[in-house]
Every structure is written in C-alpha cells, then in structure tokens.
C-alpha cells in the first residue's frame, strides 16, 4: 500500500492543518477497515489437550478457540448446518513401524442456527445444546470434554507414541453445491494447525496435558 504525504506552503498554515487532519482521518479509516477485516477472519486455535486414563480405557478433552469468517456466518444464518471435526490419533513411534495407528478419537459436532427462535444449537452424537448467541455456541464448541479413545491395537504403558491433533470445518458434510463453490474460494476453509507431540500413556489420576503451540 502506497502513502502520499500532502505538501503545504508555509504561507497557508490553516489549509495545511486542514489537509493534515483530513489525511489523518483517511489513514485512521483505512487501518480500522483493515483491522475489522482481519478480526472477522476465521480461525481455530488449539489451546490445550488432555489425555486421561479411566477405568475402561482413555478419554480426551480439548480446549480451543473457534471463530467463523463472514462466509461461514452467512451460511449459518441461512440455515446451513456447519460440521466441525476433531481428530486425535496415536501412532507407534518405533522406527520399524511406519504410520502404525493404534488408537484414535474422532468427534463431529454440528452447529445450526434457528431463525424462528433466534437460537444456535450444537448437536453431538447423542445430545444437543441450545445457545442464545453465536459467541456462546462457539465457546462451547471449543470445549470438548471426556470423549473416549478408540483402541485399534493393544496399547502398552512403557511405549512412546506419536500423538497428533487437528480441528477443522468438515466441508465434506456440506451440500454438493457448496463443495463445488469451495473449490474456488478459500473462505470455506477453516482448520487449526496440526498439534503433534510424543507421549507415554497416562495412569489413573495423572492425566497428560499438552499446551497448543
């Protein structure tokens, strides 16, 4: 972006001051528009994840911040259901076992807006919650607690595993016309960075907590 500084003659101080005030107002307006545009950009930030041992296996809890961009907000207001997926995987990190996934937890939550009641709703696998504002709904969406880890193979306490966590807007659950439109627009893409770490399985009463990057 290029900026031009107004030039004023010394014998016209009033006009010079007026030009500087006008120029300052224009710059302030441009920066406020830029700030509003950036603040309305969608984002998903993982704050922390917890893996805890329970009597019948392991559970995960995820704390994140989710913000929708203007495109997703408009779609939601038009009655389109938005699906968000959270996936945690554990892979055996021993060098001779390549991409050997031994456990995973994948959660999908639907976010919906009801114009008649002006309420937002989160639909989980076996339950739902209603909220009076989008801010409240997104805050709850970012706090997932006590979801089971599905074990594909026998886990061992003394083995170090590679863990991976990601949260994203699941476009594959959208109607086909929206999927086609998304191919030409990045506004339909919303995902967190992939959080990766090495871990050994926790014991009961001593959960493992990893902070987001």
N, C-alpha and C. Protein backbone atom coordinates (compact mmCIF):
# COMPACT_ATOMS: atom_id res chain seq x y z
N UNK A 1 0.86 -1.19 0.00
CA UNK A 1 0.00 0.00 0.00
C UNK A 1 0.89 1.24 0.00
N UNK A 2 0.66 2.17 -0.91
CA UNK A 2 1.45 3.39 -1.01
C UNK A 2 0.75 4.54 -0.30
N UNK A 3 1.54 5.40 0.37
CA UNK A 3 1.01 6.57 1.04
C UNK A 3 1.67 7.82 0.48
N UNK A 4 0.89 8.88 0.36
CA UNK A 4 1.39 10.16 -0.15
C UNK A 4 1.16 11.22 0.91
N UNK A 5 2.23 11.95 1.27
CA UNK A 5 2.14 12.99 2.29
C UNK A 5 1.78 14.31 1.61
N UNK A 6 0.71 14.96 2.07
CA UNK A 6 0.31 16.22 1.44
C UNK A 6 1.34 17.32 1.68
N UNK A 7 1.54 18.15 0.65
CA UNK A 7 2.51 19.26 0.74
C UNK A 7 1.74 20.57 0.90
N UNK A 8 2.21 21.41 1.85
CA UNK A 8 1.56 22.69 2.10
C UNK A 8 2.60 23.80 2.08
N UNK A 9 2.23 24.92 1.54
CA UNK A 9 3.09 26.10 1.53
C UNK A 9 3.09 26.75 2.91
N UNK A 10 4.19 27.39 3.25
CA UNK A 10 4.34 27.98 4.56
C UNK A 10 3.35 29.11 4.80
N UNK A 11 2.91 29.79 3.75
CA UNK A 11 2.03 30.95 3.93
C UNK A 11 0.55 30.56 3.99
N UNK A 12 0.26 29.33 4.09
CA UNK A 12 -1.14 28.89 4.17
C UNK A 12 -1.26 27.80 5.25
N UNK A 13 -1.02 28.21 6.50
CA UNK A 13 -0.99 27.25 7.60
C UNK A 13 -2.35 26.64 7.88
N UNK A 14 -3.43 27.43 7.74
CA UNK A 14 -4.78 26.89 8.02
C UNK A 14 -5.13 25.78 7.05
N UNK A 15 -4.85 26.01 5.76
CA UNK A 15 -5.13 24.98 4.75
C UNK A 15 -4.26 23.75 4.98
N UNK A 16 -3.01 23.99 5.37
CA UNK A 16 -2.09 22.90 5.63
C UNK A 16 -2.61 22.03 6.78
N UNK A 17 -3.05 22.69 7.86
CA UNK A 17 -3.56 21.94 9.01
C UNK A 17 -4.80 21.15 8.63
N UNK A 18 -5.68 21.74 7.83
CA UNK A 18 -6.90 21.04 7.42
C UNK A 18 -6.57 19.81 6.59
N UNK A 19 -5.56 19.95 5.71
CA UNK A 19 -5.17 18.81 4.89
C UNK A 19 -4.60 17.68 5.74
N UNK A 20 -3.79 18.05 6.74
CA UNK A 20 -3.22 17.03 7.61
C UNK A 20 -4.30 16.33 8.42
N UNK A 21 -5.29 17.07 8.89
CA UNK A 21 -6.39 16.46 9.64
C UNK A 21 -7.19 15.50 8.76
N UNK A 22 -7.43 15.92 7.52
CA UNK A 22 -8.16 15.05 6.58
C UNK A 22 -7.37 13.81 6.28
N UNK A 23 -6.06 14.00 6.06
CA UNK A 23 -5.20 12.85 5.75
C UNK A 23 -5.14 11.87 6.94
N UNK A 24 -5.07 12.43 8.15
CA UNK A 24 -5.06 11.58 9.33
C UNK A 24 -6.35 10.79 9.47
N UNK A 25 -7.48 11.42 9.15
CA UNK A 25 -8.77 10.73 9.23
C UNK A 25 -8.85 9.60 8.21
N UNK A 26 -8.31 9.84 7.01
CA UNK A 26 -8.32 8.80 5.96
C UNK A 26 -7.48 7.61 6.39
N UNK A 27 -6.28 7.89 6.93
CA UNK A 27 -5.40 6.80 7.38
C UNK A 27 -6.06 6.01 8.50
N UNK A 28 -6.69 6.71 9.46
CA UNK A 28 -7.37 6.03 10.57
C UNK A 28 -8.49 5.14 10.06
N UNK A 29 -9.23 5.62 9.05
CA UNK A 29 -10.32 4.84 8.47
C UNK A 29 -9.80 3.59 7.78
N UNK A 30 -8.69 3.73 7.03
CA UNK A 30 -8.11 2.58 6.33
C UNK A 30 -7.64 1.51 7.32
N UNK A 31 -6.98 1.96 8.40
CA UNK A 31 -6.50 0.99 9.38
C UNK A 31 -7.65 0.33 10.14
N UNK A 32 -8.71 1.07 10.40
CA UNK A 32 -9.86 0.47 11.09
C UNK A 32 -10.54 -0.55 10.20
N UNK A 33 -10.62 -0.28 8.88
CA UNK A 33 -11.21 -1.24 7.95
C UNK A 33 -10.35 -2.50 7.86
N UNK A 34 -9.02 -2.30 7.84
CA UNK A 34 -8.11 -3.45 7.79
C UNK A 34 -8.21 -4.27 9.05
N UNK A 35 -8.29 -3.60 10.19
CA UNK A 35 -8.39 -4.30 11.47
C UNK A 35 -9.69 -5.09 11.56
N UNK A 36 -10.80 -4.50 11.09
CA UNK A 36 -12.09 -5.19 11.12
C UNK A 36 -12.07 -6.41 10.21
N UNK A 37 -11.41 -6.27 9.06
CA UNK A 37 -11.33 -7.40 8.12
C UNK A 37 -10.54 -8.54 8.72
N UNK A 38 -9.41 -8.23 9.38
CA UNK A 38 -8.59 -9.28 9.98
C UNK A 38 -9.29 -9.93 11.15
N UNK A 39 -10.00 -9.14 11.97
CA UNK A 39 -10.66 -9.69 13.13
C UNK A 39 -11.83 -10.57 12.74
N UNK A 40 -12.38 -10.39 11.54
CA UNK A 40 -13.52 -11.19 11.09
C UNK A 40 -13.06 -12.40 10.29
N UNK A 41 -11.76 -12.59 10.18
CA UNK A 41 -11.26 -13.78 9.50
C UNK A 41 -11.40 -14.97 10.43
N UNK A 42 -11.79 -16.10 9.88
CA UNK A 42 -11.99 -17.29 10.69
C UNK A 42 -10.68 -17.88 11.17
N UNK A 43 -10.73 -18.57 12.31
CA UNK A 43 -9.54 -19.21 12.84
C UNK A 43 -9.93 -20.29 13.83
N UNK A 44 -9.05 -21.28 13.97
CA UNK A 44 -9.18 -22.30 15.00
C UNK A 44 -7.82 -22.44 15.68
N UNK A 45 -7.78 -22.19 16.97
CA UNK A 45 -6.53 -22.25 17.72
C UNK A 45 -6.67 -23.26 18.85
N UNK A 46 -5.84 -24.29 18.86
CA UNK A 46 -5.85 -25.28 19.93
C UNK A 46 -5.08 -24.73 21.12
N UNK A 47 -5.74 -24.62 22.26
CA UNK A 47 -5.11 -24.09 23.47
C UNK A 47 -4.48 -25.21 24.30
N UNK A 48 -5.18 -26.33 24.42
CA UNK A 48 -4.62 -27.46 25.17
C UNK A 48 -5.42 -28.72 24.87
N UNK A 49 -4.79 -29.86 25.14
CA UNK A 49 -5.45 -31.15 25.02
C UNK A 49 -5.04 -31.99 26.21
N UNK A 50 -5.99 -32.77 26.72
CA UNK A 50 -5.73 -33.63 27.88
C UNK A 50 -6.09 -35.07 27.53
N UNK A 51 -5.19 -35.99 27.85
CA UNK A 51 -5.46 -37.42 27.71
C UNK A 51 -5.44 -38.01 29.10
N UNK A 52 -6.54 -38.62 29.50
CA UNK A 52 -6.67 -39.14 30.86
C UNK A 52 -7.02 -40.62 30.83
N UNK A 53 -6.47 -41.37 31.80
CA UNK A 53 -6.79 -42.78 31.96
C UNK A 53 -8.04 -42.91 32.83
N UNK A 54 -8.97 -43.74 32.38
CA UNK A 54 -10.18 -44.05 33.15
C UNK A 54 -10.25 -45.56 33.34
N UNK A 55 -11.24 -45.99 34.08
CA UNK A 55 -11.33 -47.41 34.41
C UNK A 55 -11.44 -48.31 33.18
N UNK A 56 -12.07 -47.83 32.14
CA UNK A 56 -12.31 -48.66 30.96
C UNK A 56 -11.49 -48.24 29.74
N UNK A 57 -10.48 -47.41 29.94
CA UNK A 57 -9.66 -47.01 28.81
C UNK A 57 -9.10 -45.61 28.98
N UNK A 58 -9.25 -44.80 27.92
CA UNK A 58 -8.69 -43.44 27.92
C UNK A 58 -9.70 -42.47 27.33
N UNK A 59 -9.65 -41.23 27.82
CA UNK A 59 -10.52 -40.17 27.33
C UNK A 59 -9.69 -38.95 26.98
N UNK A 60 -10.21 -38.15 26.03
CA UNK A 60 -9.54 -36.90 25.67
C UNK A 60 -10.47 -35.72 25.93
N UNK A 61 -9.86 -34.59 26.26
CA UNK A 61 -10.57 -33.32 26.39
C UNK A 61 -9.76 -32.27 25.66
N UNK A 62 -10.45 -31.42 24.91
CA UNK A 62 -9.78 -30.42 24.08
C UNK A 62 -10.32 -29.04 24.39
N UNK A 63 -9.42 -28.09 24.55
CA UNK A 63 -9.79 -26.68 24.76
C UNK A 63 -9.25 -25.87 23.58
N UNK A 64 -10.13 -25.21 22.86
CA UNK A 64 -9.73 -24.46 21.67
C UNK A 64 -10.56 -23.20 21.52
N UNK A 65 -10.10 -22.31 20.64
CA UNK A 65 -10.85 -21.09 20.29
C UNK A 65 -11.23 -21.18 18.82
N UNK A 66 -12.51 -21.03 18.53
CA UNK A 66 -13.02 -21.14 17.16
C UNK A 66 -13.74 -19.85 16.79
N UNK A 67 -13.36 -19.27 15.67
CA UNK A 67 -14.01 -18.07 15.15
C UNK A 67 -14.37 -18.30 13.69
N UNK A 68 -15.59 -17.96 13.32
CA UNK A 68 -16.04 -18.12 11.94
C UNK A 68 -15.71 -16.88 11.13
N UNK A 69 -15.47 -17.06 9.84
CA UNK A 69 -15.34 -15.90 8.95
C UNK A 69 -16.71 -15.48 8.46
N UNK A 70 -16.77 -14.39 7.71
CA UNK A 70 -18.05 -13.83 7.28
C UNK A 70 -18.83 -14.80 6.39
N UNK A 71 -18.14 -15.56 5.55
CA UNK A 71 -18.81 -16.50 4.64
C UNK A 71 -19.52 -17.60 5.42
N UNK A 72 -18.85 -18.16 6.42
CA UNK A 72 -19.46 -19.22 7.22
C UNK A 72 -20.59 -18.69 8.10
N UNK A 73 -20.44 -17.46 8.58
CA UNK A 73 -21.52 -16.87 9.38
C UNK A 73 -22.78 -16.67 8.54
N UNK A 74 -22.60 -16.20 7.30
CA UNK A 74 -23.76 -16.00 6.42
C UNK A 74 -24.43 -17.33 6.10
N UNK A 75 -23.63 -18.35 5.84
CA UNK A 75 -24.19 -19.68 5.56
C UNK A 75 -24.99 -20.18 6.76
N UNK A 76 -24.46 -19.97 7.95
CA UNK A 76 -25.15 -20.41 9.17
C UNK A 76 -26.47 -19.68 9.34
N UNK A 77 -26.49 -18.38 9.09
CA UNK A 77 -27.71 -17.59 9.24
C UNK A 77 -28.77 -17.98 8.22
N UNK A 78 -28.34 -18.56 7.08
CA UNK A 78 -29.29 -19.02 6.06
C UNK A 78 -29.82 -20.43 6.33
N UNK A 79 -29.43 -21.00 7.45
CA UNK A 79 -29.94 -22.31 7.81
C UNK A 79 -29.04 -23.47 7.44
N UNK A 80 -27.84 -23.18 6.93
CA UNK A 80 -26.90 -24.24 6.57
C UNK A 80 -26.23 -24.77 7.84
N UNK A 81 -26.20 -26.09 7.99
CA UNK A 81 -25.56 -26.71 9.14
C UNK A 81 -24.06 -26.80 8.90
N UNK A 82 -23.28 -26.35 9.86
CA UNK A 82 -21.83 -26.40 9.78
C UNK A 82 -21.31 -27.53 10.67
N UNK A 83 -20.47 -28.36 10.10
CA UNK A 83 -19.92 -29.51 10.84
C UNK A 83 -18.45 -29.27 11.16
N UNK A 84 -18.07 -29.55 12.40
CA UNK A 84 -16.69 -29.40 12.83
C UNK A 84 -16.18 -30.75 13.34
N UNK A 85 -15.00 -31.12 12.87
CA UNK A 85 -14.41 -32.41 13.24
C UNK A 85 -13.17 -32.19 14.09
N UNK A 86 -13.01 -33.04 15.08
CA UNK A 86 -11.82 -33.07 15.94
C UNK A 86 -11.26 -34.48 15.88
N UNK A 87 -10.00 -34.59 15.55
CA UNK A 87 -9.40 -35.92 15.41
C UNK A 87 -8.07 -35.99 16.13
N UNK A 88 -7.95 -36.98 17.03
CA UNK A 88 -6.69 -37.28 17.70
C UNK A 88 -6.29 -38.70 17.36
N UNK A 89 -5.05 -38.90 16.98
CA UNK A 89 -4.56 -40.24 16.66
C UNK A 89 -3.28 -40.52 17.44
N UNK A 90 -3.07 -41.78 17.74
CA UNK A 90 -1.83 -42.26 18.35
C UNK A 90 -1.20 -43.27 17.40
N UNK A 91 0.07 -43.06 17.10
CA UNK A 91 0.81 -43.97 16.24
C UNK A 91 2.04 -44.48 16.99
N UNK A 92 2.39 -45.72 16.73
CA UNK A 92 3.60 -46.28 17.33
C UNK A 92 4.81 -45.57 16.73
N UNK A 93 5.65 -45.00 17.56
CA UNK A 93 6.75 -44.17 17.08
C UNK A 93 8.03 -44.97 16.84
N UNK A 94 8.00 -46.27 17.03
CA UNK A 94 9.21 -47.05 16.77
C UNK A 94 9.52 -47.04 15.28
N UNK A 95 10.79 -46.93 14.94
CA UNK A 95 11.22 -46.66 13.57
C UNK A 95 10.80 -47.73 12.58
N UNK A 96 10.65 -48.96 13.01
CA UNK A 96 10.31 -50.03 12.08
C UNK A 96 8.81 -50.18 11.87
N UNK A 97 8.02 -49.36 12.54
CA UNK A 97 6.57 -49.38 12.35
C UNK A 97 6.16 -48.03 11.77
N UNK A 98 5.93 -47.97 10.45
CA UNK A 98 5.63 -46.72 9.76
C UNK A 98 4.12 -46.51 9.71
N UNK A 99 3.68 -45.34 10.25
CA UNK A 99 2.26 -44.97 10.24
C UNK A 99 1.37 -46.07 10.81
N UNK A 100 1.81 -46.67 11.92
CA UNK A 100 1.03 -47.72 12.55
C UNK A 100 0.09 -47.09 13.58
N UNK A 101 -1.11 -46.76 13.17
CA UNK A 101 -2.09 -46.12 14.05
C UNK A 101 -2.66 -47.16 15.00
N UNK A 102 -2.55 -46.89 16.30
CA UNK A 102 -3.01 -47.84 17.30
C UNK A 102 -4.26 -47.36 18.04
N UNK A 103 -4.57 -46.07 17.95
CA UNK A 103 -5.76 -45.56 18.63
C UNK A 103 -6.17 -44.23 18.00
N UNK A 104 -7.45 -43.92 18.13
CA UNK A 104 -7.93 -42.64 17.61
C UNK A 104 -9.21 -42.23 18.31
N UNK A 105 -9.46 -40.92 18.27
CA UNK A 105 -10.73 -40.35 18.71
C UNK A 105 -11.13 -39.32 17.68
N UNK A 106 -12.27 -39.52 17.03
CA UNK A 106 -12.75 -38.56 16.03
C UNK A 106 -14.16 -38.15 16.41
N UNK A 107 -14.33 -36.85 16.61
CA UNK A 107 -15.61 -36.30 17.03
C UNK A 107 -16.12 -35.35 15.95
N UNK A 108 -17.41 -35.40 15.69
CA UNK A 108 -18.02 -34.47 14.74
C UNK A 108 -19.21 -33.80 15.42
N UNK A 109 -19.18 -32.46 15.43
CA UNK A 109 -20.24 -31.68 16.08
C UNK A 109 -20.88 -30.78 15.04
N UNK A 110 -22.21 -30.72 15.03
CA UNK A 110 -22.94 -29.90 14.07
C UNK A 110 -23.40 -28.60 14.74
N UNK A 111 -23.17 -27.48 14.06
CA UNK A 111 -23.61 -26.17 14.53
C UNK A 111 -24.72 -25.66 13.63
N UNK A 112 -25.84 -25.28 14.24
CA UNK A 112 -27.01 -24.87 13.45
C UNK A 112 -27.66 -23.64 14.08
N UNK A 113 -28.27 -22.81 13.21
CA UNK A 113 -28.98 -21.62 13.68
C UNK A 113 -30.45 -21.73 13.30
N UNK A 114 -31.34 -21.49 14.30
CA UNK A 114 -32.78 -21.50 14.07
C UNK A 114 -33.29 -20.05 14.06
N UNK A 115 -33.65 -19.58 12.87
CA UNK A 115 -34.07 -18.18 12.74
C UNK A 115 -35.37 -17.90 13.51
N UNK A 116 -36.26 -18.90 13.61
CA UNK A 116 -37.55 -18.70 14.26
C UNK A 116 -37.38 -18.38 15.74
N UNK A 117 -36.49 -19.11 16.40
CA UNK A 117 -36.26 -18.90 17.83
C UNK A 117 -35.03 -18.05 18.11
N UNK A 118 -34.26 -17.75 17.04
CA UNK A 118 -33.02 -17.00 17.16
C UNK A 118 -32.04 -17.67 18.12
N UNK A 119 -31.96 -18.96 18.02
CA UNK A 119 -31.05 -19.73 18.87
C UNK A 119 -30.09 -20.56 18.03
N UNK A 120 -28.92 -20.78 18.61
CA UNK A 120 -27.91 -21.63 17.99
C UNK A 120 -27.90 -22.97 18.71
N UNK A 121 -27.65 -24.02 17.96
CA UNK A 121 -27.69 -25.36 18.55
C UNK A 121 -26.46 -26.16 18.16
N UNK A 122 -25.88 -26.86 19.13
CA UNK A 122 -24.80 -27.80 18.89
C UNK A 122 -25.36 -29.20 19.04
N UNK A 123 -25.15 -30.03 18.03
CA UNK A 123 -25.61 -31.41 18.05
C UNK A 123 -24.41 -32.35 18.13
N UNK A 124 -24.34 -33.09 19.24
CA UNK A 124 -23.30 -34.08 19.42
C UNK A 124 -23.85 -35.45 19.01
N UNK A 125 -23.09 -36.48 19.28
CA UNK A 125 -23.50 -37.82 18.87
C UNK A 125 -24.81 -38.24 19.52
N UNK A 126 -24.99 -37.93 20.79
CA UNK A 126 -26.19 -38.39 21.50
C UNK A 126 -26.86 -37.29 22.32
N UNK A 127 -26.51 -36.05 22.09
CA UNK A 127 -27.10 -34.95 22.85
C UNK A 127 -27.03 -33.66 22.05
N UNK A 128 -27.67 -32.61 22.57
CA UNK A 128 -27.66 -31.30 21.91
C UNK A 128 -27.73 -30.21 22.97
N UNK A 129 -27.27 -29.00 22.59
CA UNK A 129 -27.30 -27.84 23.47
C UNK A 129 -27.78 -26.63 22.68
N UNK A 130 -28.57 -25.77 23.33
CA UNK A 130 -29.05 -24.54 22.70
C UNK A 130 -28.38 -23.32 23.35
N UNK A 131 -28.15 -22.29 22.52
CA UNK A 131 -27.47 -21.08 22.99
C UNK A 131 -28.17 -19.85 22.40
N UNK A 132 -28.11 -18.75 23.15
CA UNK A 132 -28.75 -17.52 22.70
C UNK A 132 -27.87 -16.68 21.79
N UNK A 133 -26.58 -16.99 21.69
CA UNK A 133 -25.68 -16.21 20.84
C UNK A 133 -24.66 -17.12 20.19
N UNK A 134 -24.12 -16.66 19.07
CA UNK A 134 -23.08 -17.42 18.37
C UNK A 134 -21.82 -17.51 19.22
N UNK A 135 -21.52 -16.45 19.94
CA UNK A 135 -20.33 -16.45 20.80
C UNK A 135 -20.40 -17.56 21.83
N UNK A 136 -21.56 -17.74 22.44
CA UNK A 136 -21.73 -18.80 23.44
C UNK A 136 -21.60 -20.18 22.80
N UNK A 137 -22.18 -20.34 21.61
CA UNK A 137 -22.13 -21.63 20.93
C UNK A 137 -20.71 -22.00 20.54
N UNK A 138 -19.95 -21.03 20.03
CA UNK A 138 -18.57 -21.29 19.62
C UNK A 138 -17.68 -21.58 20.83
N UNK A 139 -17.97 -20.93 21.95
CA UNK A 139 -17.20 -21.19 23.17
C UNK A 139 -17.41 -22.62 23.62
N UNK A 140 -18.66 -23.10 23.58
CA UNK A 140 -18.95 -24.49 23.96
C UNK A 140 -18.36 -25.46 22.95
N UNK A 141 -18.40 -25.09 21.66
CA UNK A 141 -17.83 -25.94 20.62
C UNK A 141 -16.34 -26.14 20.82
N UNK A 142 -15.68 -25.14 21.37
CA UNK A 142 -14.24 -25.23 21.60
C UNK A 142 -13.85 -26.00 22.84
N UNK A 143 -14.83 -26.39 23.66
CA UNK A 143 -14.55 -27.13 24.89
C UNK A 143 -15.19 -28.52 24.79
N UNK A 144 -14.40 -29.49 24.40
CA UNK A 144 -14.87 -30.87 24.30
C UNK A 144 -14.25 -31.66 25.45
N UNK A 145 -15.07 -32.36 26.20
CA UNK A 145 -14.57 -33.00 27.42
C UNK A 145 -15.02 -34.45 27.52
N UNK A 146 -14.07 -35.33 27.85
CA UNK A 146 -14.37 -36.71 28.19
C UNK A 146 -14.83 -37.59 27.05
N UNK A 147 -14.18 -37.48 25.88
CA UNK A 147 -14.54 -38.34 24.75
C UNK A 147 -13.60 -39.54 24.69
N UNK A 148 -14.14 -40.73 24.46
CA UNK A 148 -13.31 -41.94 24.53
C UNK A 148 -12.33 -42.07 23.38
N UNK A 149 -11.21 -42.68 23.69
CA UNK A 149 -10.19 -43.01 22.71
C UNK A 149 -10.40 -44.45 22.28
N UNK A 150 -10.64 -44.66 20.99
CA UNK A 150 -10.88 -46.00 20.47
C UNK A 150 -9.55 -46.68 20.16
N UNK A 151 -9.34 -47.82 20.79
CA UNK A 151 -8.08 -48.54 20.65
C UNK A 151 -8.20 -49.58 19.54
N UNK A 152 -7.28 -49.51 18.57
CA UNK A 152 -7.26 -50.48 17.48
C UNK A 152 -6.36 -51.68 17.80
N UNK A 153 -5.38 -51.45 18.64
CA UNK A 153 -4.43 -52.49 18.97
C UNK A 153 -4.07 -52.33 20.44
N UNK A 154 -3.46 -53.33 21.01
CA UNK A 154 -3.11 -53.27 22.42
C UNK A 154 -2.11 -52.17 22.72
N UNK A 155 -2.49 -51.24 23.60
CA UNK A 155 -1.60 -50.17 23.99
C UNK A 155 -0.72 -50.62 25.15
N UNK A 156 0.51 -50.12 25.19
CA UNK A 156 1.45 -50.50 26.23
C UNK A 156 1.92 -49.25 26.97
N UNK A 157 1.96 -49.34 28.28
CA UNK A 157 2.30 -48.18 29.10
C UNK A 157 3.74 -47.72 28.93
N UNK A 158 4.65 -48.64 28.60
CA UNK A 158 6.06 -48.29 28.52
C UNK A 158 6.51 -47.93 27.12
N UNK A 159 5.58 -47.79 26.18
CA UNK A 159 5.91 -47.46 24.79
C UNK A 159 5.60 -45.99 24.53
N UNK A 160 6.49 -45.31 23.82
CA UNK A 160 6.26 -43.91 23.45
C UNK A 160 5.51 -43.84 22.13
N UNK A 161 4.44 -43.06 22.13
CA UNK A 161 3.60 -42.93 20.94
C UNK A 161 3.70 -41.51 20.38
N UNK A 162 3.45 -41.40 19.08
CA UNK A 162 3.36 -40.10 18.43
C UNK A 162 1.89 -39.70 18.36
N UNK A 163 1.55 -38.60 19.02
CA UNK A 163 0.16 -38.13 19.04
C UNK A 163 -0.01 -36.96 18.08
N UNK A 164 -1.19 -36.87 17.48
CA UNK A 164 -1.49 -35.81 16.52
C UNK A 164 -2.93 -35.37 16.71
N UNK A 165 -3.15 -34.05 16.74
CA UNK A 165 -4.49 -33.50 16.94
C UNK A 165 -4.74 -32.38 15.95
N UNK A 166 -5.94 -32.40 15.37
CA UNK A 166 -6.35 -31.32 14.45
C UNK A 166 -7.85 -31.11 14.56
N UNK A 167 -8.29 -29.85 14.39
CA UNK A 167 -9.70 -29.49 14.38
C UNK A 167 -9.98 -28.74 13.08
N UNK A 168 -11.07 -29.07 12.40
CA UNK A 168 -11.35 -28.39 11.13
C UNK A 168 -12.84 -28.36 10.83
N UNK A 169 -13.21 -27.41 9.97
CA UNK A 169 -14.56 -27.34 9.42
C UNK A 169 -14.67 -28.40 8.34
N UNK A 170 -15.62 -29.33 8.52
CA UNK A 170 -15.72 -30.50 7.66
C UNK A 170 -16.60 -30.19 6.44
N UNK A 171 -15.95 -29.77 5.39
CA UNK A 171 -16.67 -29.39 4.17
C UNK A 171 -17.35 -30.58 3.50
N UNK A 172 -16.85 -31.78 3.73
CA UNK A 172 -17.41 -32.97 3.08
C UNK A 172 -18.84 -33.25 3.53
N UNK A 173 -19.27 -32.66 4.64
CA UNK A 173 -20.64 -32.86 5.13
C UNK A 173 -21.60 -31.83 4.57
N UNK A 174 -21.09 -30.87 3.81
CA UNK A 174 -21.92 -29.82 3.26
C UNK A 174 -22.62 -30.31 1.99
N UNK A 175 -23.74 -29.66 1.60
CA UNK A 175 -24.38 -29.99 0.33
C UNK A 175 -23.43 -29.82 -0.84
N UNK A 176 -23.60 -30.61 -1.89
CA UNK A 176 -22.70 -30.62 -3.03
C UNK A 176 -22.48 -29.24 -3.65
N UNK A 177 -23.51 -28.41 -3.83
CA UNK A 177 -23.28 -27.08 -4.43
C UNK A 177 -22.26 -26.25 -3.65
N UNK A 178 -22.25 -26.36 -2.33
CA UNK A 178 -21.30 -25.61 -1.52
C UNK A 178 -19.90 -26.18 -1.66
N UNK A 179 -19.81 -27.49 -1.83
CA UNK A 179 -18.49 -28.10 -2.02
C UNK A 179 -17.87 -27.64 -3.34
N UNK A 180 -18.70 -27.50 -4.38
CA UNK A 180 -18.21 -27.03 -5.67
C UNK A 180 -17.76 -25.58 -5.56
N UNK A 181 -18.55 -24.75 -4.87
CA UNK A 181 -18.18 -23.34 -4.69
C UNK A 181 -16.88 -23.21 -3.91
N UNK A 182 -16.67 -24.11 -2.95
CA UNK A 182 -15.49 -24.03 -2.09
C UNK A 182 -14.20 -24.27 -2.86
N UNK A 183 -14.28 -24.96 -4.00
CA UNK A 183 -13.09 -25.22 -4.79
C UNK A 183 -12.45 -23.93 -5.31
N UNK A 184 -13.25 -22.88 -5.44
CA UNK A 184 -12.75 -21.61 -5.98
C UNK A 184 -12.63 -20.53 -4.91
N UNK A 185 -12.82 -20.89 -3.65
CA UNK A 185 -12.78 -19.87 -2.60
C UNK A 185 -12.17 -20.46 -1.33
N UNK A 186 -11.20 -19.74 -0.77
CA UNK A 186 -10.58 -20.18 0.47
C UNK A 186 -11.44 -19.83 1.68
N UNK A 187 -12.54 -19.11 1.49
CA UNK A 187 -13.41 -18.72 2.59
C UNK A 187 -14.14 -19.91 3.21
N UNK A 188 -14.14 -21.03 2.51
CA UNK A 188 -14.78 -22.24 3.03
C UNK A 188 -13.78 -23.15 3.74
N UNK A 189 -12.54 -22.69 3.86
CA UNK A 189 -11.52 -23.48 4.53
C UNK A 189 -11.28 -22.92 5.93
N UNK A 190 -11.38 -23.78 6.90
CA UNK A 190 -11.15 -23.36 8.28
C UNK A 190 -10.57 -24.55 9.05
N UNK A 191 -9.34 -24.43 9.48
CA UNK A 191 -8.67 -25.54 10.16
C UNK A 191 -7.62 -25.02 11.13
N UNK A 192 -7.35 -25.81 12.13
CA UNK A 192 -6.27 -25.50 13.06
C UNK A 192 -4.96 -26.02 12.50
N UNK A 193 -3.85 -25.56 13.08
CA UNK A 193 -2.57 -26.20 12.81
C UNK A 193 -2.59 -27.60 13.43
N UNK A 194 -1.79 -28.48 12.89
CA UNK A 194 -1.71 -29.82 13.45
C UNK A 194 -0.78 -29.79 14.66
N UNK A 195 -1.30 -30.20 15.81
CA UNK A 195 -0.53 -30.27 17.04
C UNK A 195 0.01 -31.68 17.19
N UNK A 196 1.33 -31.82 17.30
CA UNK A 196 1.96 -33.14 17.40
C UNK A 196 2.89 -33.18 18.61
N UNK A 197 2.95 -34.31 19.26
CA UNK A 197 3.84 -34.48 20.40
C UNK A 197 4.05 -35.98 20.65
N UNK A 198 5.11 -36.30 21.39
CA UNK A 198 5.38 -37.67 21.80
C UNK A 198 4.90 -37.87 23.23
N UNK A 199 4.35 -39.04 23.52
CA UNK A 199 3.78 -39.28 24.84
C UNK A 199 3.76 -40.76 25.18
N UNK A 200 3.82 -41.01 26.48
CA UNK A 200 3.51 -42.33 27.01
C UNK A 200 2.14 -42.28 27.65
N UNK A 201 1.48 -43.40 27.74
CA UNK A 201 0.11 -43.42 28.25
C UNK A 201 0.06 -42.97 29.71
N UNK A 202 -0.90 -42.13 30.05
CA UNK A 202 -1.02 -41.67 31.44
C UNK A 202 -1.61 -42.77 32.32
N UNK A 203 -1.46 -42.59 33.63
CA UNK A 203 -2.06 -43.50 34.59
C UNK A 203 -3.23 -42.80 35.25
N UNK A 204 -4.09 -43.57 35.89
CA UNK A 204 -5.28 -43.00 36.51
C UNK A 204 -4.88 -41.97 37.58
N UNK A 205 -5.48 -40.82 37.52
CA UNK A 205 -5.19 -39.75 38.47
C UNK A 205 -4.08 -38.83 38.04
N UNK A 206 -3.39 -39.16 36.94
CA UNK A 206 -2.30 -38.32 36.45
C UNK A 206 -2.46 -38.09 34.94
N UNK A 207 -3.41 -37.25 34.55
CA UNK A 207 -3.64 -37.01 33.13
C UNK A 207 -2.46 -36.30 32.47
N UNK A 208 -2.34 -36.50 31.18
CA UNK A 208 -1.30 -35.84 30.41
C UNK A 208 -1.90 -34.62 29.72
N UNK A 209 -1.30 -33.44 29.92
CA UNK A 209 -1.82 -32.20 29.35
C UNK A 209 -0.75 -31.58 28.46
N UNK A 210 -1.13 -31.24 27.23
CA UNK A 210 -0.22 -30.61 26.27
C UNK A 210 -0.80 -29.28 25.87
N UNK A 211 -0.01 -28.23 25.93
CA UNK A 211 -0.43 -26.89 25.53
C UNK A 211 -0.28 -26.74 24.02
N UNK A 212 -1.19 -25.96 23.41
CA UNK A 212 -1.11 -25.67 21.99
C UNK A 212 0.09 -24.79 21.68
N UNK A 213 0.53 -24.82 20.45
CA UNK A 213 1.70 -24.04 20.04
C UNK A 213 1.28 -22.62 19.71
